[in-house]
Amino acid sequence: MGVFTPDVNNLRELYIAKLEHTLNSERQIADKGLPAMIEKSTNPQLQQAFRKHFEETREHVSRLEQILSSNKGEASDSKCKITAAMISAAESEIGDAANEGIRDVILIAAGNGIEHHEIATYGTLRTWAQILGEKQDAAILEKTLGEERNADELLTRLSQQINVEAPVA
């Protein structure tokens, strides 16, 4: 798994680099991760949760583009290897699951893992924006952070039903 190692000399440069990295992560989730999760899930509530978060993720991309545009101009493409690895791992596990119930359990686990990564990332970015005096950025990032937390909580609630229904032997 790749590590985020930007070549920066101060917090503002680190902030911009991490925003670019996060933009790539959200694009991967919107372009590849969530469409596959919607397609592969069989539980209607889970499909709906993924659809809702897909729409939110498209908005997250737009917000990050807005923040980067106001701070820097055009964003460079900084691939998030962590997100790519999580999506790839989920695809592999889903491919190995012959049972639909187990596939849904795998999808929930993958979704929670991605959400936890995003929660950590957005919390960090929000804090850095506050330190840098970027109040509007901080408010936008806080809104996204809240949506990521809500998505994680919804998946957790669904897991309490779906995990119990999965075959155990």
C-alpha atoms as a PDB file:
ATOM      1  CA  MET A   1       0.000   0.000   0.000  1.00  0.00           C
ATOM      2  CA  GLY A   2       1.385   3.425  -0.947  1.00  0.00           C
ATOM      3  CA  VAL A   3       2.095   6.047   1.641  1.00  0.00           C
ATOM      4  CA  PHE A   4       1.159   9.716   1.286  1.00  0.00           C
ATOM      5  CA  THR A   5       4.551  11.468   1.228  1.00  0.00           C
ATOM      6  CA  PRO A   6       4.267  14.942  -0.253  1.00  0.00           C
ATOM      7  CA  ASP A   7       7.312  17.123  -0.753  1.00  0.00           C
ATOM      8  CA  VAL A   8       6.267  20.141   1.303  1.00  0.00           C
ATOM      9  CA  ASN A   9       7.914  22.764   3.475  1.00  0.00           C
ATOM     10  CA  ASN A  10       4.988  24.173   5.457  1.00  0.00           C
ATOM     11  CA  LEU A  11       1.466  23.434   6.648  1.00  0.00           C
ATOM     12  CA  ARG A  12      -0.209  25.313   3.765  1.00  0.00           C
ATOM     13  CA  GLU A  13       1.652  23.207   1.200  1.00  0.00           C
ATOM     14  CA  LEU A  14       0.770  20.056   3.137  1.00  0.00           C
ATOM     15  CA  TYR A  15      -2.870  21.166   3.274  1.00  0.00           C
ATOM     16  CA  ILE A  16      -3.007  21.670  -0.506  1.00  0.00           C
ATOM     17  CA  ALA A  17      -1.241  18.361  -1.178  1.00  0.00           C
ATOM     18  CA  LYS A  18      -3.655  16.496   1.108  1.00  0.00           C
ATOM     19  CA  LEU A  19      -6.639  18.197  -0.522  1.00  0.00           C
ATOM     20  CA  GLU A  20      -5.407  17.010  -3.930  1.00  0.00           C
ATOM     21  CA  HIS A  21      -4.842  13.526  -2.562  1.00  0.00           C
ATOM     22  CA  THR A  22      -8.357  13.501  -1.065  1.00  0.00           C
ATOM     23  CA  LEU A  23      -9.870  14.728  -4.325  1.00  0.00           C
ATOM     24  CA  ASN A  24      -8.341  11.752  -6.101  1.00  0.00           C
ATOM     25  CA  SER A  25      -9.649   9.439  -3.385  1.00  0.00           C
ATOM     26  CA  GLU A  26     -13.198  10.767  -3.758  1.00  0.00           C
ATOM     27  CA  ARG A  27     -12.984  10.481  -7.554  1.00  0.00           C
ATOM     28  CA  GLN A  28     -11.926   6.827  -7.256  1.00  0.00           C
ATOM     29  CA  ILE A  29     -14.822   6.157  -4.893  1.00  0.00           C
ATOM     30  CA  ALA A  30     -17.313   7.890  -7.220  1.00  0.00           C
ATOM     31  CA  ASP A  31     -15.937   6.432 -10.448  1.00  0.00           C
ATOM     32  CA  LYS A  32     -15.187   2.886  -9.384  1.00  0.00           C
ATOM     33  CA  GLY A  33     -15.902   1.993  -5.758  1.00  0.00           C
ATOM     34  CA  LEU A  34     -19.506   2.985  -5.171  1.00  0.00           C
ATOM     35  CA  PRO A  35     -20.853   2.000  -8.605  1.00  0.00           C
ATOM     36  CA  ALA A  36     -19.476  -1.511  -8.048  1.00  0.00           C
ATOM     37  CA  MET A  37     -20.873  -1.616  -4.508  1.00  0.00           C
ATOM     38  CA  ILE A  38     -24.317  -0.614  -5.753  1.00  0.00           C
ATOM     39  CA  GLU A  39     -24.184  -3.243  -8.497  1.00  0.00           C
ATOM     40  CA  LYS A  40     -22.899  -6.076  -6.287  1.00  0.00           C
ATOM     41  CA  SER A  41     -25.094  -5.541  -3.218  1.00  0.00           C
ATOM     42  CA  THR A  42     -28.297  -7.547  -2.970  1.00  0.00           C
ATOM     43  CA  ASN A  43     -29.953  -6.035   0.096  1.00  0.00           C
ATOM     44  CA  PRO A  44     -32.256  -3.177  -1.030  1.00  0.00           C
ATOM     45  CA  GLN A  45     -31.472  -1.030   2.034  1.00  0.00           C
ATOM     46  CA  LEU A  46     -27.755  -1.463   1.435  1.00  0.00           C
ATOM     47  CA  GLN A  47     -28.128  -0.563  -2.231  1.00  0.00           C
ATOM     48  CA  GLN A  48     -30.061   2.565  -1.241  1.00  0.00           C
ATOM     49  CA  ALA A  49     -27.382   3.542   1.295  1.00  0.00           C
ATOM     50  CA  PHE A  50     -24.686   3.188  -1.375  1.00  0.00           C
ATOM     51  CA  ARG A  51     -26.764   5.181  -3.899  1.00  0.00           C
ATOM     52  CA  LYS A  52     -27.289   7.986  -1.398  1.00  0.00           C
ATOM     53  CA  HIS A  53     -23.601   8.112  -0.577  1.00  0.00           C
ATOM     54  CA  PHE A  54     -22.722   8.036  -4.282  1.00  0.00           C
ATOM     55  CA  GLU A  55     -24.659  11.295  -4.711  1.00  0.00           C
ATOM     56  CA  GLU A  56     -22.934  12.770  -1.651  1.00  0.00           C
ATOM     57  CA  THR A  57     -19.541  11.673  -2.964  1.00  0.00           C
ATOM     58  CA  ARG A  58     -20.113  13.518  -6.218  1.00  0.00           C
ATOM     59  CA  GLU A  59     -20.823  16.609  -4.095  1.00  0.00           C
ATOM     60  CA  HIS A  60     -17.635  15.948  -2.084  1.00  0.00           C
ATOM     61  CA  VAL A  61     -15.659  16.005  -5.338  1.00  0.00           C
ATOM     62  CA  SER A  62     -17.258  19.326  -6.256  1.00  0.00           C
ATOM     63  CA  ARG A  63     -16.509  20.824  -2.829  1.00  0.00           C
ATOM     64  CA  LEU A  64     -12.871  19.753  -2.954  1.00  0.00           C
ATOM     65  CA  GLU A  65     -12.521  21.203  -6.451  1.00  0.00           C
ATOM     66  CA  GLN A  66     -14.024  24.467  -5.132  1.00  0.00           C
ATOM     67  CA  ILE A  67     -11.616  24.586  -2.174  1.00  0.00           C
ATOM     68  CA  LEU A  68      -8.604  23.811  -4.353  1.00  0.00           C
ATOM     69  CA  SER A  69      -9.657  26.358  -6.948  1.00  0.00           C
ATOM     70  CA  SER A  70      -9.843  29.109  -4.332  1.00  0.00           C
ATOM     71  CA  ASN A  71      -6.526  28.105  -2.744  1.00  0.00           C
ATOM     72  CA  LYS A  72      -4.415  27.141  -5.692  1.00  0.00           C
ATOM     73  CA  GLY A  73      -6.132  27.095  -9.035  1.00  0.00           C
ATOM     74  CA  GLU A  74      -6.203  23.815 -10.926  1.00  0.00           C
ATOM     75  CA  ALA A  75      -5.532  20.704  -8.875  1.00  0.00           C
ATOM     76  CA  SER A  76      -2.757  18.322  -9.788  1.00  0.00           C
ATOM     77  CA  ASP A  77      -3.464  14.599  -9.923  1.00  0.00           C
ATOM     78  CA  SER A  78      -2.118  12.994  -6.762  1.00  0.00           C
ATOM     79  CA  LYS A  79      -3.238   9.347  -6.688  1.00  0.00           C
ATOM     80  CA  CYS A  80      -4.508   8.026  -3.390  1.00  0.00           C
ATOM     81  CA  LYS A  81      -2.961   4.571  -3.255  1.00  0.00           C
ATOM     82  CA  ILE A  82      -4.737   3.757   0.008  1.00  0.00           C
ATOM     83  CA  THR A  83      -8.182   4.149  -1.557  1.00  0.00           C
ATOM     84  CA  ALA A  84      -7.082   2.226  -4.646  1.00  0.00           C
ATOM     85  CA  ALA A  85      -5.848  -0.619  -2.431  1.00  0.00           C
ATOM     86  CA  MET A  86      -9.058  -0.695  -0.369  1.00  0.00           C
ATOM     87  CA  ILE A  87     -11.206  -0.814  -3.523  1.00  0.00           C
ATOM     88  CA  SER A  88      -9.015  -3.531  -5.022  1.00  0.00           C
ATOM     89  CA  ALA A  89      -9.146  -5.615  -1.833  1.00  0.00           C
ATOM     90  CA  ALA A  90     -12.937  -5.317  -1.694  1.00  0.00           C
ATOM     91  CA  GLU A  91     -13.240  -6.347  -5.355  1.00  0.00           C
ATOM     92  CA  SER A  92     -11.101  -9.405  -4.694  1.00  0.00           C
ATOM     93  CA  GLU A  93     -13.078 -10.434  -1.603  1.00  0.00           C
ATOM     94  CA  ILE A  94     -16.405  -9.892  -3.394  1.00  0.00           C
ATOM     95  CA  GLY A  95     -15.197 -12.014  -6.299  1.00  0.00           C
ATOM     96  CA  ASP A  96     -14.419 -14.840  -3.879  1.00  0.00           C
ATOM     97  CA  ALA A  97     -17.869 -14.711  -2.222  1.00  0.00           C
ATOM     98  CA  ALA A  98     -20.320 -17.116  -3.806  1.00  0.00           C
ATOM     99  CA  ASN A  99     -23.073 -16.363  -1.278  1.00  0.00           C
ATOM    100  CA  GLU A 100     -25.043 -13.118  -1.689  1.00  0.00           C
ATOM    101  CA  GLY A 101     -25.411 -12.611   2.076  1.00  0.00           C
ATOM    102  CA  ILE A 102     -21.664 -12.898   2.568  1.00  0.00           C
ATOM    103  CA  ARG A 103     -21.079 -10.526  -0.337  1.00  0.00           C
ATOM    104  CA  ASP A 104     -23.266  -7.910   1.371  1.00  0.00           C
ATOM    105  CA  VAL A 105     -21.321  -8.403   4.626  1.00  0.00           C
ATOM    106  CA  ILE A 106     -18.062  -7.863   2.715  1.00  0.00           C
ATOM    107  CA  LEU A 107     -19.463  -4.727   1.077  1.00  0.00           C
ATOM    108  CA  ILE A 108     -20.476  -3.275   4.444  1.00  0.00           C
ATOM    109  CA  ALA A 109     -17.027  -3.985   5.894  1.00  0.00           C
ATOM    110  CA  ALA A 110     -15.346  -2.394   2.873  1.00  0.00           C
ATOM    111  CA  GLY A 111     -17.657   0.614   3.047  1.00  0.00           C
ATOM    112  CA  ASN A 112     -16.978   1.103   6.759  1.00  0.00           C
ATOM    113  CA  GLY A 113     -13.227   0.859   6.142  1.00  0.00           C
ATOM    114  CA  ILE A 114     -13.351   3.514   3.442  1.00  0.00           C
ATOM    115  CA  GLU A 115     -15.580   5.739   5.578  1.00  0.00           C
ATOM    116  CA  HIS A 116     -13.189   5.500   8.524  1.00  0.00           C
ATOM    117  CA  HIS A 117     -10.308   6.543   6.261  1.00  0.00           C
ATOM    118  CA  GLU A 118     -12.359   9.471   4.981  1.00  0.00           C
ATOM    119  CA  ILE A 119     -13.446  10.521   8.482  1.00  0.00           C
ATOM    120  CA  ALA A 120      -9.799  10.662   9.572  1.00  0.00           C
ATOM    121  CA  THR A 121      -8.807  12.566   6.444  1.00  0.00           C
ATOM    122  CA  TYR A 122     -11.592  15.150   6.603  1.00  0.00           C
ATOM    123  CA  GLY A 123     -11.069  15.690  10.329  1.00  0.00           C
ATOM    124  CA  THR A 124      -7.403  16.409   9.680  1.00  0.00           C
ATOM    125  CA  LEU A 125      -8.122  18.715   6.739  1.00  0.00           C
ATOM    126  CA  ARG A 126     -10.744  20.635   8.739  1.00  0.00           C
ATOM    127  CA  THR A 127      -8.275  21.159  11.587  1.00  0.00           C
ATOM    128  CA  TRP A 128      -5.560  22.327   9.215  1.00  0.00           C
ATOM    129  CA  ALA A 129      -8.012  24.736   7.534  1.00  0.00           C
ATOM    130  CA  GLN A 130      -8.879  26.173  10.957  1.00  0.00           C
ATOM    131  CA  ILE A 131      -5.195  26.623  11.847  1.00  0.00           C
ATOM    132  CA  LEU A 132      -4.554  28.301   8.490  1.00  0.00           C
ATOM    133  CA  GLY A 133      -7.460  30.703   9.012  1.00  0.00           C
ATOM    134  CA  GLU A 134      -9.446  29.211   6.127  1.00  0.00           C
ATOM    135  CA  LYS A 135     -12.840  29.499   7.839  1.00  0.00           C
ATOM    136  CA  GLN A 136     -14.915  28.845   4.715  1.00  0.00           C
ATOM    137  CA  ASP A 137     -12.829  25.767   3.859  1.00  0.00           C
ATOM    138  CA  ALA A 138     -13.172  24.524   7.437  1.00  0.00           C
ATOM    139  CA  ALA A 139     -16.969  24.860   7.268  1.00  0.00           C
ATOM    140  CA  ILE A 140     -17.129  22.987   3.954  1.00  0.00           C
ATOM    141  CA  LEU A 141     -14.836  20.249   5.257  1.00  0.00           C
ATOM    142  CA  GLU A 142     -16.891  19.985   8.467  1.00  0.00           C
ATOM    143  CA  LYS A 143     -20.048  19.469   6.408  1.00  0.00           C
ATOM    144  CA  THR A 144     -18.372  16.692   4.427  1.00  0.00           C
ATOM    145  CA  LEU A 145     -17.006  15.163   7.626  1.00  0.00           C
ATOM    146  CA  GLY A 146     -20.542  15.008   8.989  1.00  0.00           C
ATOM    147  CA  GLU A 147     -21.798  13.269   5.857  1.00  0.00           C
ATOM    148  CA  GLU A 148     -18.977  10.715   6.066  1.00  0.00           C
ATOM    149  CA  ARG A 149     -19.840  10.031   9.713  1.00  0.00           C
ATOM    150  CA  ASN A 150     -23.516   9.617   8.805  1.00  0.00           C
ATOM    151  CA  ALA A 151     -22.646   7.162   6.018  1.00  0.00           C
ATOM    152  CA  ASP A 152     -20.506   5.149   8.433  1.00  0.00           C
ATOM    153  CA  GLU A 153     -23.283   5.115  11.051  1.00  0.00           C
ATOM    154  CA  LEU A 154     -25.837   3.978   8.472  1.00  0.00           C
ATOM    155  CA  LEU A 155     -23.603   1.123   7.322  1.00  0.00           C
ATOM    156  CA  THR A 156     -23.054   0.132  10.942  1.00  0.00           C
ATOM    157  CA  ARG A 157     -26.804   0.053  11.593  1.00  0.00           C
ATOM    158  CA  LEU A 158     -27.375  -2.002   8.441  1.00  0.00           C
ATOM    159  CA  SER A 159     -24.611  -4.396   9.472  1.00  0.00           C
ATOM    160  CA  GLN A 160     -26.501  -5.199  12.668  1.00  0.00           C
ATOM    161  CA  GLN A 161     -29.270  -6.634  10.496  1.00  0.00           C
ATOM    162  CA  ILE A 162     -27.369  -7.963   7.478  1.00  0.00           C
ATOM    163  CA  ASN A 163     -24.472  -9.587   9.359  1.00  0.00           C
ATOM    164  CA  VAL A 164     -26.927 -11.582  11.487  1.00  0.00           C
ATOM    165  CA  GLU A 165     -28.706 -12.860   8.357  1.00  0.00           C
ATOM    166  CA  ALA A 166     -25.469 -14.098   6.739  1.00  0.00           C
ATOM    167  CA  PRO A 167     -24.791 -17.831   6.774  1.00  0.00           C
ATOM    168  CA  VAL A 168     -22.439 -18.875   9.562  1.00  0.00           C
ATOM    169  CA  ALA A 169     -21.549 -22.409   8.468  1.00  0.00           C
END
